[in-house]
Amino acid sequence: MATDNLYVNALIGAAVTVVFSFLGVSPLLGGAAAGYLERRDGGRVGAIAGVFATVPMLGVLALFGVLLSVLGLGDPFSAFGLLVIAALFAAVYTVALSTVGGVLGVYLAEEFRE
């Protein structure tokens, strides 16, 4: 199902990341899927897949923040700061691992494709 469209391959990689989000290395798998489908420029397609996959993860963090504020658990200002730090960490983690996965996916495509 390899396509020539960079963004379609990135969306497929992001979907793989979200589906396997219960694994710690799901961004690596999603980036590898996108890089494998792209066959070239794996770092770029992996990073784009990571950005696409970050959107639902940030939505979950925002939902968690709303839940904390509704339940009245803890200080709102410290909870907001903690959620901002968690969001930045999740974004950097996802994009970085997806980029590495994209490079690995291109390598695997070149190694094992006929």
N, C-alpha and C. Protein backbone atom coordinates (compact mmCIF):
# COMPACT_ATOMS: atom_id res chain seq x y z
N MET A 1 0.82 -1.19 0.00
CA MET A 1 0.00 0.00 0.00
C MET A 1 0.86 1.25 0.00
N ALA A 2 2.05 1.18 -0.48
CA ALA A 2 2.93 2.33 -0.53
C ALA A 2 2.37 3.37 -1.50
N THR A 3 2.33 4.62 -1.06
CA THR A 3 1.86 5.70 -1.90
C THR A 3 2.99 6.70 -2.10
N ASP A 4 2.80 7.58 -3.08
CA ASP A 4 3.79 8.61 -3.33
C ASP A 4 3.51 9.86 -2.51
N ASN A 5 2.41 9.90 -1.81
CA ASN A 5 2.04 11.07 -1.04
C ASN A 5 2.66 11.00 0.36
N LEU A 6 3.47 11.98 0.67
CA LEU A 6 4.18 12.03 1.95
C LEU A 6 3.20 12.07 3.12
N TYR A 7 2.15 12.88 2.99
CA TYR A 7 1.23 13.07 4.10
C TYR A 7 0.35 11.85 4.35
N VAL A 8 0.03 11.12 3.31
CA VAL A 8 -0.74 9.88 3.50
C VAL A 8 0.11 8.86 4.25
N ASN A 9 1.38 8.74 3.86
CA ASN A 9 2.27 7.83 4.57
C ASN A 9 2.46 8.26 6.02
N ALA A 10 2.55 9.57 6.25
CA ALA A 10 2.69 10.08 7.62
C ALA A 10 1.43 9.80 8.44
N LEU A 11 0.27 9.94 7.83
CA LEU A 11 -0.98 9.63 8.55
C LEU A 11 -1.08 8.15 8.88
N ILE A 12 -0.62 7.30 7.97
CA ILE A 12 -0.61 5.86 8.26
C ILE A 12 0.33 5.58 9.42
N GLY A 13 1.50 6.21 9.42
CA GLY A 13 2.44 6.05 10.54
C GLY A 13 1.87 6.56 11.85
N ALA A 14 1.15 7.69 11.80
CA ALA A 14 0.52 8.22 13.01
C ALA A 14 -0.56 7.28 13.51
N ALA A 15 -1.32 6.68 12.60
CA ALA A 15 -2.35 5.72 13.00
C ALA A 15 -1.72 4.50 13.67
N VAL A 16 -0.59 4.03 13.14
CA VAL A 16 0.11 2.91 13.77
C VAL A 16 0.57 3.31 15.17
N THR A 17 1.05 4.54 15.32
CA THR A 17 1.48 5.01 16.63
C THR A 17 0.33 5.02 17.62
N VAL A 18 -0.82 5.51 17.20
CA VAL A 18 -1.97 5.60 18.10
C VAL A 18 -2.51 4.21 18.44
N VAL A 19 -2.56 3.32 17.45
CA VAL A 19 -3.07 1.97 17.70
C VAL A 19 -2.19 1.22 18.69
N PHE A 20 -0.88 1.38 18.56
CA PHE A 20 0.05 0.69 19.45
C PHE A 20 0.50 1.58 20.61
N SER A 21 -0.32 2.54 21.00
CA SER A 21 0.08 3.48 22.05
C SER A 21 0.24 2.84 23.42
N PHE A 22 -0.26 1.62 23.59
CA PHE A 22 -0.04 0.93 24.87
C PHE A 22 1.40 0.45 25.01
N LEU A 23 2.16 0.47 23.93
CA LEU A 23 3.59 0.13 23.98
C LEU A 23 4.40 1.41 24.14
N GLY A 24 5.50 1.32 24.83
CA GLY A 24 6.33 2.50 25.03
C GLY A 24 7.05 2.96 23.78
N VAL A 25 7.23 2.05 22.84
CA VAL A 25 7.96 2.38 21.62
C VAL A 25 7.03 2.54 20.42
N SER A 26 5.78 2.87 20.66
CA SER A 26 4.83 3.00 19.56
C SER A 26 5.23 4.08 18.56
N PRO A 27 5.81 5.23 18.98
CA PRO A 27 6.25 6.19 17.96
C PRO A 27 7.33 5.63 17.04
N LEU A 28 8.19 4.78 17.58
CA LEU A 28 9.22 4.15 16.76
C LEU A 28 8.58 3.24 15.71
N LEU A 29 7.57 2.49 16.10
CA LEU A 29 6.87 1.61 15.16
C LEU A 29 6.11 2.41 14.10
N GLY A 30 5.45 3.47 14.53
CA GLY A 30 4.71 4.31 13.57
C GLY A 30 5.63 5.01 12.59
N GLY A 31 6.75 5.53 13.09
CA GLY A 31 7.72 6.16 12.20
C GLY A 31 8.33 5.16 11.24
N ALA A 32 8.59 3.94 11.73
CA ALA A 32 9.14 2.90 10.86
C ALA A 32 8.14 2.53 9.77
N ALA A 33 6.87 2.45 10.11
CA ALA A 33 5.85 2.15 9.09
C ALA A 33 5.80 3.26 8.04
N ALA A 34 5.84 4.50 8.49
CA ALA A 34 5.81 5.62 7.54
C ALA A 34 7.06 5.65 6.67
N GLY A 35 8.22 5.43 7.27
CA GLY A 35 9.46 5.40 6.50
C GLY A 35 9.51 4.25 5.52
N TYR A 36 9.00 3.11 5.92
CA TYR A 36 8.97 1.95 5.03
C TYR A 36 8.08 2.22 3.82
N LEU A 37 6.95 2.88 4.06
CA LEU A 37 6.05 3.19 2.96
C LEU A 37 6.61 4.30 2.07
N GLU A 38 7.32 5.23 2.65
CA GLU A 38 7.84 6.38 1.90
C GLU A 38 9.02 6.00 1.02
N ARG A 39 9.88 5.12 1.48
CA ARG A 39 11.05 4.61 0.76
C ARG A 39 12.16 5.62 0.59
N ARG A 40 11.95 6.85 0.95
CA ARG A 40 12.99 7.87 0.86
C ARG A 40 12.68 8.93 1.90
N ASP A 41 13.66 9.64 2.31
CA ASP A 41 13.49 10.75 3.26
C ASP A 41 12.70 10.32 4.49
N GLY A 42 13.18 9.27 5.14
CA GLY A 42 12.48 8.69 6.27
C GLY A 42 12.43 9.59 7.49
N GLY A 43 13.46 10.40 7.68
CA GLY A 43 13.46 11.30 8.83
C GLY A 43 12.33 12.30 8.76
N ARG A 44 12.11 12.84 7.56
CA ARG A 44 11.06 13.85 7.41
C ARG A 44 9.67 13.24 7.58
N VAL A 45 9.42 12.10 6.93
CA VAL A 45 8.10 11.49 7.04
C VAL A 45 7.86 10.98 8.46
N GLY A 46 8.92 10.51 9.12
CA GLY A 46 8.78 10.07 10.51
C GLY A 46 8.44 11.22 11.44
N ALA A 47 9.11 12.37 11.23
CA ALA A 47 8.82 13.54 12.07
C ALA A 47 7.40 14.04 11.85
N ILE A 48 6.95 14.04 10.60
CA ILE A 48 5.57 14.47 10.32
C ILE A 48 4.57 13.49 10.95
N ALA A 49 4.87 12.20 10.88
CA ALA A 49 4.01 11.21 11.53
C ALA A 49 3.98 11.44 13.04
N GLY A 50 5.12 11.81 13.62
CA GLY A 50 5.17 12.10 15.04
C GLY A 50 4.33 13.31 15.42
N VAL A 51 4.36 14.34 14.57
CA VAL A 51 3.54 15.53 14.83
C VAL A 51 2.06 15.17 14.74
N PHE A 52 1.69 14.38 13.72
CA PHE A 52 0.30 13.96 13.60
C PHE A 52 -0.14 13.11 14.78
N ALA A 53 0.75 12.26 15.27
CA ALA A 53 0.40 11.38 16.40
C ALA A 53 0.38 12.14 17.72
N THR A 54 1.05 13.28 17.78
CA THR A 54 1.08 14.06 19.02
C THR A 54 -0.29 14.69 19.31
N VAL A 55 -1.04 14.99 18.28
CA VAL A 55 -2.34 15.67 18.46
C VAL A 55 -3.29 14.86 19.35
N PRO A 56 -3.54 13.56 19.10
CA PRO A 56 -4.42 12.84 20.02
C PRO A 56 -3.84 12.68 21.41
N MET A 57 -2.51 12.56 21.50
CA MET A 57 -1.88 12.43 22.82
C MET A 57 -2.06 13.70 23.64
N LEU A 58 -1.95 14.86 22.99
CA LEU A 58 -2.17 16.11 23.70
C LEU A 58 -3.64 16.26 24.09
N GLY A 59 -4.53 15.72 23.27
CA GLY A 59 -5.95 15.73 23.62
C GLY A 59 -6.23 14.92 24.87
N VAL A 60 -5.57 13.79 25.01
CA VAL A 60 -5.73 12.96 26.21
C VAL A 60 -5.18 13.70 27.43
N LEU A 61 -4.04 14.38 27.27
CA LEU A 61 -3.49 15.15 28.39
C LEU A 61 -4.42 16.30 28.78
N ALA A 62 -5.03 16.96 27.79
CA ALA A 62 -5.97 18.04 28.09
C ALA A 62 -7.20 17.50 28.82
N LEU A 63 -7.68 16.35 28.39
CA LEU A 63 -8.81 15.71 29.08
C LEU A 63 -8.45 15.37 30.52
N PHE A 64 -7.24 14.89 30.72
CA PHE A 64 -6.75 14.59 32.06
C PHE A 64 -6.70 15.86 32.92
N GLY A 65 -6.26 16.97 32.33
CA GLY A 65 -6.22 18.23 33.05
C GLY A 65 -7.60 18.73 33.44
N VAL A 66 -8.56 18.59 32.54
CA VAL A 66 -9.93 18.99 32.84
C VAL A 66 -10.50 18.12 33.95
N LEU A 67 -10.21 16.83 33.89
CA LEU A 67 -10.68 15.92 34.92
C LEU A 67 -10.11 16.28 36.29
N LEU A 68 -8.82 16.63 36.32
CA LEU A 68 -8.21 17.03 37.59
C LEU A 68 -8.85 18.31 38.13
N SER A 69 -9.13 19.26 37.25
CA SER A 69 -9.71 20.51 37.73
C SER A 69 -11.16 20.33 38.18
N VAL A 70 -11.91 19.47 37.51
CA VAL A 70 -13.30 19.23 37.90
C VAL A 70 -13.36 18.52 39.25
N LEU A 71 -12.47 17.57 39.46
CA LEU A 71 -12.46 16.84 40.73
C LEU A 71 -11.83 17.65 41.86
N GLY A 72 -11.17 18.73 41.51
CA GLY A 72 -10.57 19.58 42.54
C GLY A 72 -9.39 18.96 43.24
N LEU A 73 -8.61 18.18 42.52
CA LEU A 73 -7.45 17.53 43.11
C LEU A 73 -6.22 18.42 42.94
N GLY A 74 -5.66 18.87 44.02
CA GLY A 74 -4.41 19.62 43.98
C GLY A 74 -4.60 21.08 43.62
N ASP A 75 -3.50 21.78 43.58
CA ASP A 75 -3.46 23.20 43.25
C ASP A 75 -3.59 23.36 41.73
N PRO A 76 -4.50 24.21 41.25
CA PRO A 76 -4.68 24.33 39.79
C PRO A 76 -3.44 24.85 39.07
N PHE A 77 -2.69 25.76 39.70
CA PHE A 77 -1.52 26.31 39.03
C PHE A 77 -0.40 25.28 38.90
N SER A 78 -0.20 24.50 39.93
CA SER A 78 0.84 23.48 39.83
C SER A 78 0.40 22.35 38.90
N ALA A 79 -0.89 22.05 38.87
CA ALA A 79 -1.38 21.03 37.94
C ALA A 79 -1.22 21.50 36.50
N PHE A 80 -1.47 22.78 36.24
CA PHE A 80 -1.28 23.32 34.89
C PHE A 80 0.18 23.24 34.48
N GLY A 81 1.07 23.61 35.38
CA GLY A 81 2.50 23.53 35.09
C GLY A 81 2.95 22.11 34.82
N LEU A 82 2.44 21.18 35.61
CA LEU A 82 2.78 19.77 35.41
C LEU A 82 2.26 19.26 34.07
N LEU A 83 1.05 19.67 33.68
CA LEU A 83 0.50 19.24 32.40
C LEU A 83 1.25 19.85 31.22
N VAL A 84 1.72 21.08 31.36
CA VAL A 84 2.51 21.70 30.29
C VAL A 84 3.83 20.95 30.11
N ILE A 85 4.48 20.63 31.22
CA ILE A 85 5.74 19.88 31.15
C ILE A 85 5.49 18.49 30.56
N ALA A 86 4.41 17.84 30.96
CA ALA A 86 4.09 16.51 30.42
C ALA A 86 3.78 16.60 28.92
N ALA A 87 3.09 17.65 28.50
CA ALA A 87 2.77 17.81 27.08
C ALA A 87 4.03 18.04 26.26
N LEU A 88 4.94 18.86 26.76
CA LEU A 88 6.20 19.08 26.04
C LEU A 88 7.02 17.80 25.96
N PHE A 89 7.08 17.06 27.06
CA PHE A 89 7.82 15.80 27.05
C PHE A 89 7.20 14.82 26.07
N ALA A 90 5.88 14.71 26.08
CA ALA A 90 5.21 13.77 25.17
C ALA A 90 5.43 14.16 23.71
N ALA A 91 5.39 15.45 23.42
CA ALA A 91 5.60 15.90 22.04
C ALA A 91 7.02 15.62 21.57
N VAL A 92 8.00 15.96 22.38
CA VAL A 92 9.40 15.74 21.99
C VAL A 92 9.69 14.25 21.88
N TYR A 93 9.19 13.47 22.82
CA TYR A 93 9.39 12.02 22.81
C TYR A 93 8.79 11.39 21.56
N THR A 94 7.58 11.79 21.23
CA THR A 94 6.88 11.21 20.08
C THR A 94 7.56 11.60 18.77
N VAL A 95 7.88 12.86 18.60
CA VAL A 95 8.49 13.31 17.35
C VAL A 95 9.89 12.73 17.19
N ALA A 96 10.67 12.69 18.27
CA ALA A 96 12.04 12.16 18.18
C ALA A 96 12.04 10.67 17.85
N LEU A 97 11.23 9.89 18.55
CA LEU A 97 11.20 8.45 18.26
C LEU A 97 10.60 8.16 16.88
N SER A 98 9.65 8.96 16.45
CA SER A 98 9.08 8.76 15.11
C SER A 98 10.11 9.07 14.03
N THR A 99 10.94 10.08 14.27
CA THR A 99 12.00 10.41 13.31
C THR A 99 13.00 9.27 13.20
N VAL A 100 13.43 8.74 14.33
CA VAL A 100 14.35 7.59 14.31
C VAL A 100 13.68 6.39 13.64
N GLY A 101 12.41 6.17 13.92
CA GLY A 101 11.68 5.08 13.29
C GLY A 101 11.57 5.25 11.78
N GLY A 102 11.39 6.49 11.33
CA GLY A 102 11.34 6.75 9.89
C GLY A 102 12.64 6.40 9.19
N VAL A 103 13.76 6.74 9.82
CA VAL A 103 15.07 6.40 9.26
C VAL A 103 15.24 4.89 9.23
N LEU A 104 14.86 4.22 10.30
CA LEU A 104 14.95 2.75 10.33
C LEU A 104 14.02 2.10 9.31
N GLY A 105 12.85 2.69 9.10
CA GLY A 105 11.92 2.14 8.12
C GLY A 105 12.47 2.21 6.70
N VAL A 106 13.14 3.31 6.36
CA VAL A 106 13.76 3.42 5.04
C VAL A 106 14.89 2.40 4.91
N TYR A 107 15.66 2.23 5.97
CA TYR A 107 16.73 1.24 5.94
C TYR A 107 16.17 -0.17 5.72
N LEU A 108 15.10 -0.50 6.43
CA LEU A 108 14.47 -1.82 6.25
C LEU A 108 13.89 -1.98 4.85
N ALA A 109 13.33 -0.90 4.31
CA ALA A 109 12.77 -0.97 2.96
C ALA A 109 13.86 -1.24 1.93
N GLU A 110 15.00 -0.60 2.10
CA GLU A 110 16.11 -0.82 1.16
C GLU A 110 16.72 -2.20 1.34
N GLU A 111 16.75 -2.71 2.54
CA GLU A 111 17.38 -3.99 2.83
C GLU A 111 16.54 -5.18 2.38
N PHE A 112 15.24 -5.13 2.60
CA PHE A 112 14.40 -6.31 2.40
C PHE A 112 13.42 -6.22 1.25
N ARG A 113 13.40 -5.16 0.51
CA ARG A 113 12.46 -5.04 -0.61
C ARG A 113 13.12 -5.55 -1.88
N GLU A 114 12.33 -6.22 -2.70
CA GLU A 114 12.89 -6.75 -3.95
C GLU A 114 13.10 -5.67 -4.95
